[in-house]
PDB file of N, CA and C in Angstrom:
ATOM      1  N   MET A   1      -5.513 -12.028  -6.271  1.00  0.00           N
ATOM      2  CA  MET A   1      -6.107 -10.722  -5.805  1.00  0.00           C
ATOM      3  C   MET A   1      -6.365  -9.830  -7.069  1.00  0.00           C
ATOM      4  N   THR A   2      -7.796  -9.239  -7.060  1.00  0.00           N
ATOM      5  CA  THR A   2      -8.011  -8.368  -8.130  1.00  0.00           C
ATOM      6  C   THR A   2      -7.796  -6.918  -7.568  1.00  0.00           C
ATOM      7  N   ARG A   3      -7.766  -5.996  -8.484  1.00  0.00           N
ATOM      8  CA  ARG A   3      -7.786  -4.511  -7.919  1.00  0.00           C
ATOM      9  C   ARG A   3      -9.071  -4.251  -7.123  1.00  0.00           C
ATOM     10  N   THR A   4     -10.109  -4.576  -7.605  1.00  0.00           N
ATOM     11  CA  THR A   4     -11.399  -4.467  -6.874  1.00  0.00           C
ATOM     12  C   THR A   4     -11.381  -4.986  -5.501  1.00  0.00           C
ATOM     13  N   GLU A   5     -10.805  -6.110  -5.362  1.00  0.00           N
ATOM     14  CA  GLU A   5     -10.749  -6.819  -3.875  1.00  0.00           C
ATOM     15  C   GLU A   5      -9.863  -6.080  -3.184  1.00  0.00           C
ATOM     16  N   VAL A   6      -8.812  -5.552  -3.688  1.00  0.00           N
ATOM     17  CA  VAL A   6      -7.726  -4.774  -2.833  1.00  0.00           C
ATOM     18  C   VAL A   6      -8.395  -3.345  -2.454  1.00  0.00           C
ATOM     19  N   GLU A   7      -9.065  -2.809  -3.337  1.00  0.00           N
ATOM     20  CA  GLU A   7      -9.598  -1.518  -3.107  1.00  0.00           C
ATOM     21  C   GLU A   7     -10.852  -1.650  -2.129  1.00  0.00           C
ATOM     22  N   GLU A   8     -11.459  -2.679  -2.197  1.00  0.00           N
ATOM     23  CA  GLU A   8     -12.679  -2.937  -1.217  1.00  0.00           C
ATOM     24  C   GLU A   8     -12.023  -3.149   0.055  1.00  0.00           C
ATOM     25  N   TYR A   9     -11.050  -3.738   0.255  1.00  0.00           N
ATOM     26  CA  TYR A   9     -10.376  -3.968   1.556  1.00  0.00           C
ATOM     27  C   TYR A   9      -9.790  -2.780   2.101  1.00  0.00           C
ATOM     28  N   VAL A  10      -9.123  -1.695   1.320  1.00  0.00           N
ATOM     29  CA  VAL A  10      -8.458  -0.655   1.789  1.00  0.00           C
ATOM     30  C   VAL A  10      -9.612   0.356   2.079  1.00  0.00           C
ATOM     31  N   LEU A  11     -10.644   0.192   1.539  1.00  0.00           N
ATOM     32  CA  LEU A  11     -11.696   1.291   1.756  1.00  0.00           C
ATOM     33  C   LEU A  11     -12.560   0.722   2.871  1.00  0.00           C
ATOM     34  N   SER A  12     -12.505  -0.483   3.538  1.00  0.00           N
ATOM     35  CA  SER A  12     -13.043  -1.232   4.528  1.00  0.00           C
ATOM     36  C   SER A  12     -12.599  -0.504   5.892  1.00  0.00           C
ATOM     37  N   MET A  13     -11.416   0.179   5.711  1.00  0.00           N
ATOM     38  CA  MET A  13     -10.723   0.787   7.028  1.00  0.00           C
ATOM     39  C   MET A  13     -11.657   1.813   7.300  1.00  0.00           C
ATOM     40  N   PRO A  14     -11.957   1.959   8.722  1.00  0.00           N
ATOM     41  CA  PRO A  14     -12.826   3.104   9.149  1.00  0.00           C
ATOM     42  C   PRO A  14     -12.442   4.533   8.623  1.00  0.00           C
ATOM     43  N   ASN A  15     -13.321   5.284   8.021  1.00  0.00           N
ATOM     44  CA  ASN A  15     -13.254   6.612   7.642  1.00  0.00           C
ATOM     45  C   ASN A  15     -12.148   6.663   6.446  1.00  0.00           C
ATOM     46  N   ALA A  16     -11.847   5.675   5.914  1.00  0.00           N
ATOM     47  CA  ALA A  16     -10.990   5.741   4.552  1.00  0.00           C
ATOM     48  C   ALA A  16     -11.694   6.379   3.412  1.00  0.00           C
ATOM     49  N   GLN A  17     -10.883   7.139   2.801  1.00  0.00           N
ATOM     50  CA  GLN A  17     -11.463   7.944   1.650  1.00  0.00           C
ATOM     51  C   GLN A  17     -10.649   7.715   0.345  1.00  0.00           C
ATOM     52  N   LEU A  18     -11.025   7.636  -0.728  1.00  0.00           N
ATOM     53  CA  LEU A  18     -10.381   7.669  -2.227  1.00  0.00           C
ATOM     54  C   LEU A  18     -10.307   8.989  -2.653  1.00  0.00           C
ATOM     55  N   ASP A  19      -8.987   9.276  -3.202  1.00  0.00           N
ATOM     56  CA  ASP A  19      -8.826  10.598  -3.733  1.00  0.00           C
ATOM     57  C   ASP A  19      -7.757  10.492  -4.969  1.00  0.00           C
ATOM     58  N   TYR A  20      -7.842  11.413  -5.758  1.00  0.00           N
ATOM     59  CA  TYR A  20      -6.847  11.343  -7.035  1.00  0.00           C
ATOM     60  C   TYR A  20      -5.952  12.714  -7.118  1.00  0.00           C
ATOM     61  N   PRO A  21      -5.193  13.221  -5.957  1.00  0.00           N
ATOM     62  CA  PRO A  21      -4.588  14.285  -5.907  1.00  0.00           C
ATOM     63  C   PRO A  21      -3.476  14.557  -6.943  1.00  0.00           C
ATOM     64  N   PHE A  22      -2.874  13.458  -7.285  1.00  0.00           N
ATOM     65  CA  PHE A  22      -1.881  13.340  -8.365  1.00  0.00           C
ATOM     66  C   PHE A  22      -2.186  12.919  -9.831  1.00  0.00           C
ATOM     67  N   GLY A  23      -3.565  13.074  -9.991  1.00  0.00           N
ATOM     68  CA  GLY A  23      -3.956  12.661 -11.405  1.00  0.00           C
ATOM     69  C   GLY A  23      -4.757  11.295 -11.526  1.00  0.00           C
ATOM     70  N   LYS A  24      -5.268  11.082 -12.599  1.00  0.00           N
ATOM     71  CA  LYS A  24      -6.109   9.815 -12.796  1.00  0.00           C
ATOM     72  C   LYS A  24      -5.192   8.387 -12.714  1.00  0.00           C
ATOM     73  N   ASP A  25      -3.829   8.558 -12.689  1.00  0.00           N
ATOM     74  CA  ASP A  25      -3.022   7.302 -12.803  1.00  0.00           C
ATOM     75  C   ASP A  25      -2.672   6.777 -11.318  1.00  0.00           C
ATOM     76  N   VAL A  26      -3.051   7.469 -10.341  1.00  0.00           N
ATOM     77  CA  VAL A  26      -2.585   6.995  -8.893  1.00  0.00           C
ATOM     78  C   VAL A  26      -3.847   7.043  -7.959  1.00  0.00           C
ATOM     79  N   ALA A  27      -4.458   6.116  -7.614  1.00  0.00           N
ATOM     80  CA  ALA A  27      -5.560   6.010  -6.481  1.00  0.00           C
ATOM     81  C   ALA A  27      -4.897   6.309  -5.105  1.00  0.00           C
ATOM     82  N   VAL A  28      -5.273   7.274  -4.404  1.00  0.00           N
ATOM     83  CA  VAL A  28      -4.790   7.590  -3.122  1.00  0.00           C
ATOM     84  C   VAL A  28      -5.991   7.422  -2.025  1.00  0.00           C
ATOM     85  N   TYR A  29      -5.520   6.677  -1.084  1.00  0.00           N
ATOM     86  CA  TYR A  29      -6.402   6.303   0.052  1.00  0.00           C
ATOM     87  C   TYR A  29      -5.933   7.013   1.300  1.00  0.00           C
ATOM     88  N   LYS A  30      -6.889   7.746   1.884  1.00  0.00           N
ATOM     89  CA  LYS A  30      -6.477   8.597   3.119  1.00  0.00           C
ATOM     90  C   LYS A  30      -7.599   8.229   4.168  1.00  0.00           C
ATOM     91  N   VAL A  31      -6.865   8.611   5.335  1.00  0.00           N
ATOM     92  CA  VAL A  31      -7.671   8.650   6.516  1.00  0.00           C
ATOM     93  C   VAL A  31      -7.240  10.195   7.164  1.00  0.00           C
ATOM     94  N   ALA A  32      -8.055  10.846   7.767  1.00  0.00           N
ATOM     95  CA  ALA A  32      -7.907  11.997   8.421  1.00  0.00           C
ATOM     96  C   ALA A  32      -6.862  12.827   7.567  1.00  0.00           C
ATOM     97  N   ASP A  33      -7.045  12.860   6.371  1.00  0.00           N
ATOM     98  CA  ASP A  33      -6.265  13.515   5.065  1.00  0.00           C
ATOM     99  C   ASP A  33      -4.768  13.186   5.242  1.00  0.00           C
ATOM    100  N   LYS A  34      -4.399  12.023   5.616  1.00  0.00           N
ATOM    101  CA  LYS A  34      -3.130  11.350   5.574  1.00  0.00           C
ATOM    102  C   LYS A  34      -3.193  10.161   4.570  1.00  0.00           C
ATOM    103  N   MET A  35      -2.349  10.122   3.628  1.00  0.00           N
ATOM    104  CA  MET A  35      -2.129   9.009   2.734  1.00  0.00           C
ATOM    105  C   MET A  35      -1.687   7.638   3.516  1.00  0.00           C
ATOM    106  N   PHE A  36      -2.436   6.603   3.280  1.00  0.00           N
ATOM    107  CA  PHE A  36      -1.938   5.322   3.790  1.00  0.00           C
ATOM    108  C   PHE A  36      -1.776   4.314   2.742  1.00  0.00           C
ATOM    109  N   ALA A  37      -2.287   4.418   1.546  1.00  0.00           N
ATOM    110  CA  ALA A  37      -2.196   3.463   0.658  1.00  0.00           C
ATOM    111  C   ALA A  37      -2.340   4.044  -0.752  1.00  0.00           C
ATOM    112  N   LEU A  38      -1.563   3.700  -1.609  1.00  0.00           N
ATOM    113  CA  LEU A  38      -1.575   4.130  -3.100  1.00  0.00           C
ATOM    114  C   LEU A  38      -1.646   2.968  -4.016  1.00  0.00           C
ATOM    115  N   ILE A  39      -2.514   3.061  -5.109  1.00  0.00           N
ATOM    116  CA  ILE A  39      -2.577   2.014  -5.966  1.00  0.00           C
ATOM    117  C   ILE A  39      -2.308   2.653  -7.451  1.00  0.00           C
ATOM    118  N   SER A  40      -1.311   2.078  -8.158  1.00  0.00           N
ATOM    119  CA  SER A  40      -0.993   2.593  -9.415  1.00  0.00           C
ATOM    120  C   SER A  40      -2.080   1.997 -10.317  1.00  0.00           C
ATOM    121  N   GLU A  41      -2.834   2.907 -10.937  1.00  0.00           N
ATOM    122  CA  GLU A  41      -3.774   2.532 -12.071  1.00  0.00           C
ATOM    123  C   GLU A  41      -3.390   1.810 -13.328  1.00  0.00           C
ATOM    124  N   ASP A  42      -3.772   0.775 -13.869  1.00  0.00           N
ATOM    125  CA  ASP A  42      -3.365   0.177 -15.072  1.00  0.00           C
ATOM    126  C   ASP A  42      -1.911  -0.388 -15.253  1.00  0.00           C
ATOM    127  N   LYS A  43      -1.441  -0.637 -14.114  1.00  0.00           N
ATOM    128  CA  LYS A  43      -0.116  -1.360 -13.850  1.00  0.00           C
ATOM    129  C   LYS A  43      -0.413  -2.829 -13.796  1.00  0.00           C
ATOM    130  N   GLN A  44       0.470  -3.579 -14.583  1.00  0.00           N
ATOM    131  CA  GLN A  44       0.359  -5.038 -14.416  1.00  0.00           C
ATOM    132  C   GLN A  44       1.843  -5.601 -14.203  1.00  0.00           C
ATOM    133  N   PRO A  45       1.980  -6.222 -12.952  1.00  0.00           N
ATOM    134  CA  PRO A  45       0.974  -6.605 -12.011  1.00  0.00           C
ATOM    135  C   PRO A  45       0.530  -5.500 -11.080  1.00  0.00           C
ATOM    136  N   LEU A  46      -0.549  -5.654 -10.532  1.00  0.00           N
ATOM    137  CA  LEU A  46      -1.143  -4.758  -9.781  1.00  0.00           C
ATOM    138  C   LEU A  46      -0.008  -4.140  -8.597  1.00  0.00           C
ATOM    139  N   GLN A  47       0.042  -2.890  -8.219  1.00  0.00           N
ATOM    140  CA  GLN A  47       0.983  -2.577  -7.247  1.00  0.00           C
ATOM    141  C   GLN A  47       0.241  -1.632  -6.098  1.00  0.00           C
ATOM    142  N   ILE A  48       0.659  -1.882  -4.881  1.00  0.00           N
ATOM    143  CA  ILE A  48       0.254  -0.989  -3.864  1.00  0.00           C
ATOM    144  C   ILE A  48       1.419  -0.341  -3.161  1.00  0.00           C
ATOM    145  N   SER A  49       1.268   0.786  -2.584  1.00  0.00           N
ATOM    146  CA  SER A  49       2.345   1.405  -1.804  1.00  0.00           C
ATOM    147  C   SER A  49       1.659   1.676  -0.532  1.00  0.00           C
ATOM    148  N   LEU A  50       2.535   1.161   0.411  1.00  0.00           N
ATOM    149  CA  LEU A  50       1.990   1.434   1.910  1.00  0.00           C
ATOM    150  C   LEU A  50       3.249   1.791   2.818  1.00  0.00           C
ATOM    151  N   LYS A  51       2.648   2.684   3.922  1.00  0.00           N
ATOM    152  CA  LYS A  51       3.657   3.098   4.911  1.00  0.00           C
ATOM    153  C   LYS A  51       4.090   1.982   5.633  1.00  0.00           C
ATOM    154  N   CYS A  52       5.114   1.905   6.332  1.00  0.00           N
ATOM    155  CA  CYS A  52       5.651   0.522   7.035  1.00  0.00           C
ATOM    156  C   CYS A  52       6.890   1.228   8.031  1.00  0.00           C
ATOM    157  N   ALA A  53       6.829   0.493   9.087  1.00  0.00           N
ATOM    158  CA  ALA A  53       8.004   0.775   9.989  1.00  0.00           C
ATOM    159  C   ALA A  53       9.267   0.303   9.203  1.00  0.00           C
ATOM    160  N   PRO A  54      10.270   1.268   9.403  1.00  0.00           N
ATOM    161  CA  PRO A  54      11.630   0.953   8.703  1.00  0.00           C
ATOM    162  C   PRO A  54      12.183  -0.382   9.151  1.00  0.00           C
ATOM    163  N   GLU A  55      12.143  -0.849  10.296  1.00  0.00           N
ATOM    164  CA  GLU A  55      12.656  -2.220  10.563  1.00  0.00           C
ATOM    165  C   GLU A  55      12.091  -3.339   9.762  1.00  0.00           C
ATOM    166  N   LEU A  56      10.647  -3.136   9.687  1.00  0.00           N
ATOM    167  CA  LEU A  56       9.765  -4.146   9.035  1.00  0.00           C
ATOM    168  C   LEU A  56      10.043  -4.075   7.552  1.00  0.00           C
ATOM    169  N   SER A  57      10.169  -2.785   6.991  1.00  0.00           N
ATOM    170  CA  SER A  57      10.399  -2.718   5.601  1.00  0.00           C
ATOM    171  C   SER A  57      11.645  -3.505   5.198  1.00  0.00           C
ATOM    172  N   ASP A  58      12.733  -3.307   6.034  1.00  0.00           N
ATOM    173  CA  ASP A  58      14.046  -4.066   5.650  1.00  0.00           C
ATOM    174  C   ASP A  58      13.827  -5.534   5.537  1.00  0.00           C
ATOM    175  N   VAL A  59      13.186  -5.962   6.596  1.00  0.00           N
ATOM    176  CA  VAL A  59      12.871  -7.545   6.690  1.00  0.00           C
ATOM    177  C   VAL A  59      12.027  -7.934   5.384  1.00  0.00           C
ATOM    178  N   LEU A  60      11.121  -7.176   5.040  1.00  0.00           N
ATOM    179  CA  LEU A  60      10.281  -7.554   3.922  1.00  0.00           C
ATOM    180  C   LEU A  60      10.905  -7.560   2.638  1.00  0.00           C
ATOM    181  N   ARG A  61      11.648  -6.644   2.539  1.00  0.00           N
ATOM    182  CA  ARG A  61      12.561  -6.379   1.258  1.00  0.00           C
ATOM    183  C   ARG A  61      13.555  -7.390   1.293  1.00  0.00           C
ATOM    184  N   GLU A  62      14.119  -7.940   2.073  1.00  0.00           N
ATOM    185  CA  GLU A  62      14.970  -8.980   2.030  1.00  0.00           C
ATOM    186  C   GLU A  62      14.338 -10.285   1.696  1.00  0.00           C
ATOM    187  N   ARG A  63      13.197 -10.533   2.371  1.00  0.00           N
ATOM    188  CA  ARG A  63      12.362 -11.802   2.188  1.00  0.00           C
ATOM    189  C   ARG A  63      11.705 -11.955   0.839  1.00  0.00           C
ATOM    190  N   TYR A  64      11.196 -10.866   0.406  1.00  0.00           N
ATOM    191  CA  TYR A  64      10.240 -11.005  -0.898  1.00  0.00           C
ATOM    192  C   TYR A  64      10.791 -10.085  -2.108  1.00  0.00           C
ATOM    193  N   ASP A  65      11.041 -10.610  -3.285  1.00  0.00           N
ATOM    194  CA  ASP A  65      11.471  -9.723  -4.474  1.00  0.00           C
ATOM    195  C   ASP A  65      10.288  -8.838  -4.725  1.00  0.00           C
ATOM    196  N   VAL A  66       9.217  -9.234  -4.365  1.00  0.00           N
ATOM    197  CA  VAL A  66       7.999  -8.107  -4.684  1.00  0.00           C
ATOM    198  C   VAL A  66       7.826  -7.072  -3.887  1.00  0.00           C
ATOM    199  N   VAL A  67       8.488  -6.776  -2.804  1.00  0.00           N
ATOM    200  CA  VAL A  67       8.671  -5.696  -1.934  1.00  0.00           C
ATOM    201  C   VAL A  67       9.727  -4.878  -2.134  1.00  0.00           C
ATOM    202  N   MET A  68       9.545  -3.622  -2.567  1.00  0.00           N
ATOM    203  CA  MET A  68      10.728  -2.683  -3.095  1.00  0.00           C
ATOM    204  C   MET A  68      10.568  -1.215  -2.191  1.00  0.00           C
ATOM    205  N   PRO A  69      11.414  -0.525  -2.217  1.00  0.00           N
ATOM    206  CA  PRO A  69      11.311   0.771  -1.557  1.00  0.00           C
ATOM    207  C   PRO A  69      10.077   1.604  -2.332  1.00  0.00           C
ATOM    208  N   GLY A  70       9.473   2.470  -1.603  1.00  0.00           N
ATOM    209  CA  GLY A  70       8.196   3.029  -2.116  1.00  0.00           C
ATOM    210  C   GLY A  70       8.647   4.003  -3.351  1.00  0.00           C
ATOM    211  N   TYR A  71       7.693   3.572  -4.370  1.00  0.00           N
ATOM    212  CA  TYR A  71       8.049   4.544  -5.817  1.00  0.00           C
ATOM    213  C   TYR A  71       7.744   5.797  -5.708  1.00  0.00           C
ATOM    214  N   HIS A  72       8.472   6.804  -5.808  1.00  0.00           N
ATOM    215  CA  HIS A  72       8.225   8.023  -5.531  1.00  0.00           C
ATOM    216  C   HIS A  72       7.827   8.617  -4.018  1.00  0.00           C
ATOM    217  N   LEU A  73       8.301   7.826  -3.219  1.00  0.00           N
ATOM    218  CA  LEU A  73       7.868   8.100  -1.839  1.00  0.00           C
ATOM    219  C   LEU A  73       8.923   7.932  -0.938  1.00  0.00           C
ATOM    220  N   ASN A  74       9.013   8.419   0.346  1.00  0.00           N
ATOM    221  CA  ASN A  74      10.043   8.223   1.235  1.00  0.00           C
ATOM    222  C   ASN A  74      10.351   6.682   1.361  1.00  0.00           C
ATOM    223  N   LYS A  75      11.603   6.359   0.912  1.00  0.00           N
ATOM    224  CA  LYS A  75      11.983   5.087   0.682  1.00  0.00           C
ATOM    225  C   LYS A  75      12.336   4.487   2.256  1.00  0.00           C
ATOM    226  N   LYS A  76      12.522   5.317   3.123  1.00  0.00           N
ATOM    227  CA  LYS A  76      12.740   4.621   4.562  1.00  0.00           C
ATOM    228  C   LYS A  76      11.325   4.283   5.086  1.00  0.00           C
ATOM    229  N   HIS A  77      10.147   4.790   4.806  1.00  0.00           N
ATOM    230  CA  HIS A  77       8.992   4.740   5.455  1.00  0.00           C
ATOM    231  C   HIS A  77       7.813   4.219   4.600  1.00  0.00           C
ATOM    232  N   TRP A  78       8.053   3.918   3.256  1.00  0.00           N
ATOM    233  CA  TRP A  78       7.103   3.378   2.480  1.00  0.00           C
ATOM    234  C   TRP A  78       7.525   2.186   1.448  1.00  0.00           C
ATOM    235  N   ASN A  79       6.806   1.342   1.287  1.00  0.00           N
ATOM    236  CA  ASN A  79       7.064   0.117   0.398  1.00  0.00           C
ATOM    237  C   ASN A  79       6.106   0.065  -0.891  1.00  0.00           C
ATOM    238  N   THR A  80       6.632  -0.238  -1.887  1.00  0.00           N
ATOM    239  CA  THR A  80       5.786  -0.506  -3.130  1.00  0.00           C
ATOM    240  C   THR A  80       5.807  -2.127  -3.298  1.00  0.00           C
ATOM    241  N   ILE A  81       4.541  -2.678  -3.241  1.00  0.00           N
ATOM    242  CA  ILE A  81       4.405  -4.176  -3.301  1.00  0.00           C
ATOM    243  C   ILE A  81       3.950  -4.614  -4.595  1.00  0.00           C
ATOM    244  N   LEU A  82       4.416  -5.527  -5.496  1.00  0.00           N
ATOM    245  CA  LEU A  82       3.890  -5.988  -6.542  1.00  0.00           C
ATOM    246  C   LEU A  82       2.899  -7.338  -6.121  1.00  0.00           C
ATOM    247  N   LEU A  83       1.715  -7.114  -6.525  1.00  0.00           N
ATOM    248  CA  LEU A  83       0.720  -8.038  -6.015  1.00  0.00           C
ATOM    249  C   LEU A  83       0.613  -9.237  -6.931  1.00  0.00           C
ATOM    250  N   THR A  84       1.764  -9.909  -7.153  1.00  0.00           N
ATOM    251  CA  THR A  84       2.039 -11.172  -7.773  1.00  0.00           C
ATOM    252  C   THR A  84       1.569 -12.589  -7.216  1.00  0.00           C
ATOM    253  N   GLY A  85       1.347 -12.440  -5.649  1.00  0.00           N
ATOM    254  CA  GLY A  85       0.935 -13.795  -5.100  1.00  0.00           C
ATOM    255  C   GLY A  85       1.917 -14.049  -4.472  1.00  0.00           C
ATOM    256  N   GLN A  86       3.161 -13.720  -4.606  1.00  0.00           N
ATOM    257  CA  GLN A  86       4.504 -14.179  -3.855  1.00  0.00           C
ATOM    258  C   GLN A  86       4.317 -13.689  -2.347  1.00  0.00           C
ATOM    259  N   LEU A  87       3.746 -12.507  -2.001  1.00  0.00           N
ATOM    260  CA  LEU A  87       3.286 -12.177  -0.692  1.00  0.00           C
ATOM    261  C   LEU A  87       1.813 -12.419  -0.420  1.00  0.00           C
ATOM    262  N   PRO A  88       1.584 -13.478   0.412  1.00  0.00           N
ATOM    263  CA  PRO A  88       0.070 -13.829   0.564  1.00  0.00           C
ATOM    264  C   PRO A  88      -0.809 -12.656   0.770  1.00  0.00           C
ATOM    265  N   TRP A  89      -1.905 -12.783   0.364  1.00  0.00           N
ATOM    266  CA  TRP A  89      -3.122 -11.759   0.571  1.00  0.00           C
ATOM    267  C   TRP A  89      -3.237 -11.530   2.138  1.00  0.00           C
ATOM    268  N   THR A  90      -3.186 -12.676   2.773  1.00  0.00           N
ATOM    269  CA  THR A  90      -3.273 -12.372   4.333  1.00  0.00           C
ATOM    270  C   THR A  90      -2.393 -11.249   4.939  1.00  0.00           C
ATOM    271  N   GLU A  91      -0.863 -11.478   4.402  1.00  0.00           N
ATOM    272  CA  GLU A  91      -0.022 -10.636   4.776  1.00  0.00           C
ATOM    273  C   GLU A  91      -0.207  -9.219   4.259  1.00  0.00           C
ATOM    274  N   VAL A  92      -0.622  -9.107   2.832  1.00  0.00           N
ATOM    275  CA  VAL A  92      -0.912  -7.862   2.429  1.00  0.00           C
ATOM    276  C   VAL A  92      -1.998  -7.204   2.972  1.00  0.00           C
ATOM    277  N   GLN A  93      -3.000  -7.810   3.578  1.00  0.00           N
ATOM    278  CA  GLN A  93      -4.041  -7.090   4.531  1.00  0.00           C
ATOM    279  C   GLN A  93      -3.433  -6.642   5.688  1.00  0.00           C
ATOM    280  N   ASP A  94      -2.467  -7.466   6.407  1.00  0.00           N
ATOM    281  CA  ASP A  94      -1.961  -7.122   7.494  1.00  0.00           C
ATOM    282  C   ASP A  94      -0.901  -5.743   7.380  1.00  0.00           C
ATOM    283  N   LEU A  95      -0.461  -5.712   6.228  1.00  0.00           N
ATOM    284  CA  LEU A  95       0.397  -4.454   5.940  1.00  0.00           C
ATOM    285  C   LEU A  95      -0.461  -3.219   5.672  1.00  0.00           C
ATOM    286  N   ILE A  96      -1.728  -3.431   4.952  1.00  0.00           N
ATOM    287  CA  ILE A  96      -2.637  -2.472   4.665  1.00  0.00           C
ATOM    288  C   ILE A  96      -3.077  -1.988   6.111  1.00  0.00           C
ATOM    289  N   ARG A  97      -3.512  -2.799   7.164  1.00  0.00           N
ATOM    290  CA  ARG A  97      -3.919  -2.388   8.410  1.00  0.00           C
ATOM    291  C   ARG A  97      -2.835  -1.614   9.177  1.00  0.00           C
ATOM    292  N   LEU A  98      -1.542  -2.153   8.938  1.00  0.00           N
ATOM    293  CA  LEU A  98      -0.368  -1.533   9.598  1.00  0.00           C
ATOM    294  C   LEU A  98      -0.295  -0.077   9.085  1.00  0.00           C
ATOM    295  N   SER A  99      -0.152   0.045   7.764  1.00  0.00           N
ATOM    296  CA  SER A  99      -0.050   1.341   7.110  1.00  0.00           C
ATOM    297  C   SER A  99      -1.213   2.416   7.601  1.00  0.00           C
ATOM    298  N   TYR A 100      -2.397   1.840   7.667  1.00  0.00           N
ATOM    299  CA  TYR A 100      -3.570   2.606   8.293  1.00  0.00           C
ATOM    300  C   TYR A 100      -3.356   3.099   9.629  1.00  0.00           C
ATOM    301  N   ASN A 101      -2.973   2.133  10.321  1.00  0.00           N
ATOM    302  CA  ASN A 101      -2.591   2.578  11.709  1.00  0.00           C
ATOM    303  C   ASN A 101      -1.387   3.464  11.944  1.00  0.00           C
ATOM    304  N   LEU A 102      -0.482   3.396  11.286  1.00  0.00           N
ATOM    305  CA  LEU A 102       0.884   4.168  11.450  1.00  0.00           C
ATOM    306  C   LEU A 102       0.481   5.699  10.878  1.00  0.00           C
ATOM    307  N   VAL A 103      -0.398   5.955  10.132  1.00  0.00           N
ATOM    308  CA  VAL A 103      -0.693   7.350   9.747  1.00  0.00           C
ATOM    309  C   VAL A 103      -1.777   8.057  10.848  1.00  0.00           C
ATOM    310  N   GLN A 104      -2.208   7.103  11.614  1.00  0.00           N
ATOM    311  CA  GLN A 104      -2.914   7.956  12.815  1.00  0.00           C
ATOM    312  C   GLN A 104      -2.264   8.022  14.058  1.00  0.00           C
ATOM    313  N   GLU A 105      -1.054   7.692  13.968  1.00  0.00           N
ATOM    314  CA  GLU A 105      -0.194   7.912  15.167  1.00  0.00           C
ATOM    315  C   GLU A 105       0.114   9.072  15.493  1.00  0.00           C
TER     316      GLU A 105
END
């Protein structure tokens, strides 16, 4: 998956908006002024940070080497995922939707 594919999917969420509140190095995707995804610019492999239920975060971190506690985020509620292909794109899409839904609760 390319950065463009990931960004297009993230922005396909209703009312999702792109912002750069932390500078040009981190793309921040928000809904209702709440962050639900962050993509590090110019990182290889591509990295996305997503909000996640703590119980699911633990399972994902144990199962996949590419899922880590959120970089510079609340480690209990956020994961940073290296998009190497180890975590299938369909699961990444599910996690993007979950993050989007969690910030709207």
